[in-house]
Amino acid sequence: MEVDQLQRSFLEYTTSLFREGFLDGQFGQLQMLQDESNPDFVVEVVSLFFEDSQRILNDLSITLNQQNVDYKKIDANVPQLKGSSSSIGAQRVRNACIAFRNFCEEQNADACRRCLQQVKQEYLLVKEKLEALIRLEQQIVAAGGAIPMLNEFS
């Protein structure tokens, strides 16, 4: 595939991620921080998000499967996940965390378990979308092109 076509695909795909609510303007801000001196900035930040999120989701699963649910532990993890998803612009994950935290404050274990499943689903969806976006970026760079920027979302 030629560079122009890859760049168009990248812009169309990124636009769809914003339109569908997977990403918000914070992701555009991250992209603007990437330059020649740090060409892998977005990939590095997104990879850290994946690692942290997976660890937090595992901790939350373990905590919610305990006989006596430790809501303080949940209340420490959910805002951390909300913060890291906000920092990369993963809007739907962040929104699911807000609902999760509300049920945590009510100490409603069943609702927390349902919310955890929702958060996991949103996380897996955004992970899949971001991995596809990163693959497109890598194809553009491998073909000798530059990553196009979306100005309207920044």
Protein backbone atom coordinates (compact mmCIF):
# COMPACT_ATOMS: atom_id res chain seq x y z
CA MET A 1 0.00 0.00 0.00
CA GLU A 2 1.40 3.42 -0.81
CA VAL A 3 2.08 6.06 1.83
CA ASP A 4 -0.75 8.41 0.80
CA GLN A 5 -3.31 5.64 1.08
CA LEU A 6 -1.92 4.52 4.47
CA GLN A 7 -2.07 8.09 5.75
CA ARG A 8 -5.66 8.49 4.55
CA SER A 9 -6.57 5.20 6.25
CA PHE A 10 -4.90 6.40 9.44
CA LEU A 11 -6.84 9.68 9.43
CA GLU A 12 -10.16 7.96 8.65
CA TYR A 13 -9.61 5.33 11.35
CA THR A 14 -8.55 7.90 13.95
CA THR A 15 -11.56 10.07 13.10
CA SER A 16 -13.87 7.07 13.56
CA LEU A 17 -12.35 6.38 17.01
CA PHE A 18 -13.17 9.93 18.07
CA ARG A 19 -16.63 9.84 16.51
CA GLU A 20 -17.48 6.51 18.19
CA GLY A 21 -16.35 7.84 21.57
CA PHE A 22 -13.39 5.48 22.03
CA LEU A 23 -10.97 8.42 22.16
CA ASP A 24 -11.27 12.07 23.12
CA GLY A 25 -9.15 15.19 22.68
CA GLN A 26 -6.58 14.00 25.21
CA PHE A 27 -5.39 11.41 22.67
CA GLY A 28 -4.89 14.22 20.16
CA GLN A 29 -2.79 16.04 22.77
CA LEU A 30 -0.64 12.91 23.18
CA GLN A 31 -0.12 12.72 19.43
CA MET A 32 1.03 16.34 19.39
CA LEU A 33 3.75 15.51 21.93
CA GLN A 34 5.26 12.97 19.55
CA ASP A 35 8.04 14.32 17.31
CA GLU A 36 11.33 13.33 15.70
CA SER A 37 13.13 13.37 19.05
CA ASN A 38 10.57 10.97 20.53
CA PRO A 39 8.96 9.09 17.62
CA ASP A 40 7.59 6.27 19.80
CA PHE A 41 6.00 8.49 22.45
CA VAL A 42 2.37 7.48 21.79
CA VAL A 43 3.25 3.78 21.51
CA GLU A 44 5.15 3.94 24.82
CA VAL A 45 2.35 5.75 26.66
CA VAL A 46 -0.31 3.43 25.25
CA SER A 47 1.79 0.35 26.13
CA LEU A 48 2.11 1.58 29.73
CA PHE A 49 -1.65 2.11 29.81
CA PHE A 50 -2.17 -1.50 28.64
CA GLU A 51 0.20 -2.87 31.32
CA ASP A 52 -1.24 -0.78 34.16
CA SER A 53 -4.85 -1.44 33.14
CA GLN A 54 -4.34 -5.20 32.93
CA ARG A 55 -2.74 -5.25 36.39
CA ILE A 56 -5.54 -3.12 37.89
CA LEU A 57 -8.28 -5.18 36.23
CA ASN A 58 -6.71 -8.39 37.57
CA ASP A 59 -6.50 -6.88 41.09
CA LEU A 60 -10.13 -5.76 40.89
CA SER A 61 -11.26 -9.22 39.78
CA ILE A 62 -9.45 -10.86 42.67
CA THR A 63 -10.81 -8.33 45.17
CA LEU A 64 -14.40 -8.65 43.94
CA ASN A 65 -14.24 -12.45 44.11
CA GLN A 66 -13.39 -12.40 47.83
CA GLN A 67 -16.03 -13.47 50.34
CA ASN A 68 -15.73 -10.09 52.08
CA VAL A 69 -15.14 -7.45 49.42
CA ASP A 70 -12.55 -4.84 50.42
CA TYR A 71 -14.17 -1.67 49.04
CA LYS A 72 -11.23 0.47 50.15
CA LYS A 73 -8.97 -1.54 47.86
CA ILE A 74 -11.45 -1.20 45.01
CA ASP A 75 -11.78 2.50 45.73
CA ALA A 76 -8.00 2.82 45.41
CA ASN A 77 -7.85 0.96 42.08
CA VAL A 78 -10.83 2.34 40.18
CA PRO A 79 -9.67 6.01 40.29
CA GLN A 80 -6.21 4.89 39.17
CA LEU A 81 -7.72 3.15 36.14
CA LYS A 82 -9.97 6.14 35.50
CA GLY A 83 -6.96 8.46 35.65
CA SER A 84 -4.79 6.42 33.32
CA SER A 85 -7.63 6.01 30.81
CA SER A 86 -8.28 9.77 30.99
CA SER A 87 -4.59 10.50 30.41
CA ILE A 88 -4.59 8.68 27.06
CA GLY A 89 -8.08 9.77 26.07
CA ALA A 90 -9.79 6.38 26.45
CA GLN A 91 -13.15 8.02 26.99
CA ARG A 92 -15.40 4.95 27.18
CA VAL A 93 -13.14 3.23 29.73
CA ARG A 94 -13.10 6.41 31.82
CA ASN A 95 -16.89 6.67 31.70
CA ALA A 96 -17.31 3.03 32.75
CA CYS A 97 -14.97 3.69 35.70
CA ILE A 98 -17.16 6.58 36.86
CA ALA A 99 -20.19 4.27 37.07
CA PHE A 100 -18.06 1.61 38.76
CA ARG A 101 -16.93 4.05 41.45
CA ASN A 102 -20.52 5.05 42.20
CA PHE A 103 -21.48 1.42 42.90
CA CYS A 104 -18.32 1.01 44.96
CA GLU A 105 -19.39 3.92 47.17
CA GLU A 106 -22.75 2.16 47.65
CA GLN A 107 -20.81 -1.04 48.48
CA ASN A 108 -22.98 -2.94 46.01
CA ALA A 109 -20.90 -6.05 45.18
CA ASP A 110 -23.18 -7.37 42.41
CA ALA A 111 -23.32 -4.00 40.66
CA CYS A 112 -19.53 -3.66 41.06
CA ARG A 113 -19.03 -7.05 39.41
CA ARG A 114 -21.28 -6.02 36.50
CA CYS A 115 -19.40 -2.73 36.18
CA LEU A 116 -16.07 -4.55 36.24
CA GLN A 117 -17.26 -6.63 33.27
CA GLN A 118 -18.27 -3.43 31.47
CA VAL A 119 -14.91 -1.81 32.21
CA LYS A 120 -13.09 -4.93 30.98
CA GLN A 121 -15.16 -4.96 27.79
CA GLU A 122 -14.48 -1.28 27.09
CA TYR A 123 -10.79 -1.79 27.87
CA LEU A 124 -10.52 -4.73 25.47
CA LEU A 125 -12.31 -2.77 22.74
CA VAL A 126 -10.08 0.30 23.07
CA LYS A 127 -6.99 -1.94 23.31
CA GLU A 128 -7.94 -3.62 20.04
CA LYS A 129 -8.60 -0.24 18.37
CA LEU A 130 -5.34 1.31 19.61
CA GLU A 131 -3.31 -1.75 18.57
CA ALA A 132 -4.75 -1.42 15.05
CA LEU A 133 -3.92 2.30 15.05
CA ILE A 134 -0.34 1.57 16.14
CA ARG A 135 0.02 -1.04 13.38
CA LEU A 136 -1.12 1.57 10.85
CA GLU A 137 1.43 4.05 12.24
CA GLN A 138 4.18 1.44 11.92
CA GLN A 139 3.19 0.72 8.31
CA ILE A 140 3.30 4.43 7.47
CA VAL A 141 6.76 4.85 9.02
CA ALA A 142 8.03 1.65 7.36
CA ALA A 143 6.84 3.03 4.00
CA GLY A 144 8.82 6.22 4.62
CA GLY A 145 5.88 8.45 5.50
CA ALA A 146 5.07 10.78 8.38
CA ILE A 147 2.19 10.25 10.79
CA PRO A 148 -0.59 12.72 9.89
CA MET A 149 -2.05 14.87 12.66
CA LEU A 150 -5.73 15.48 13.34
CA ASN A 151 -6.15 19.15 14.15
CA GLU A 152 -9.87 19.21 14.82
CA PHE A 153 -9.66 16.98 17.92
CA SER A 154 -6.79 18.64 19.70
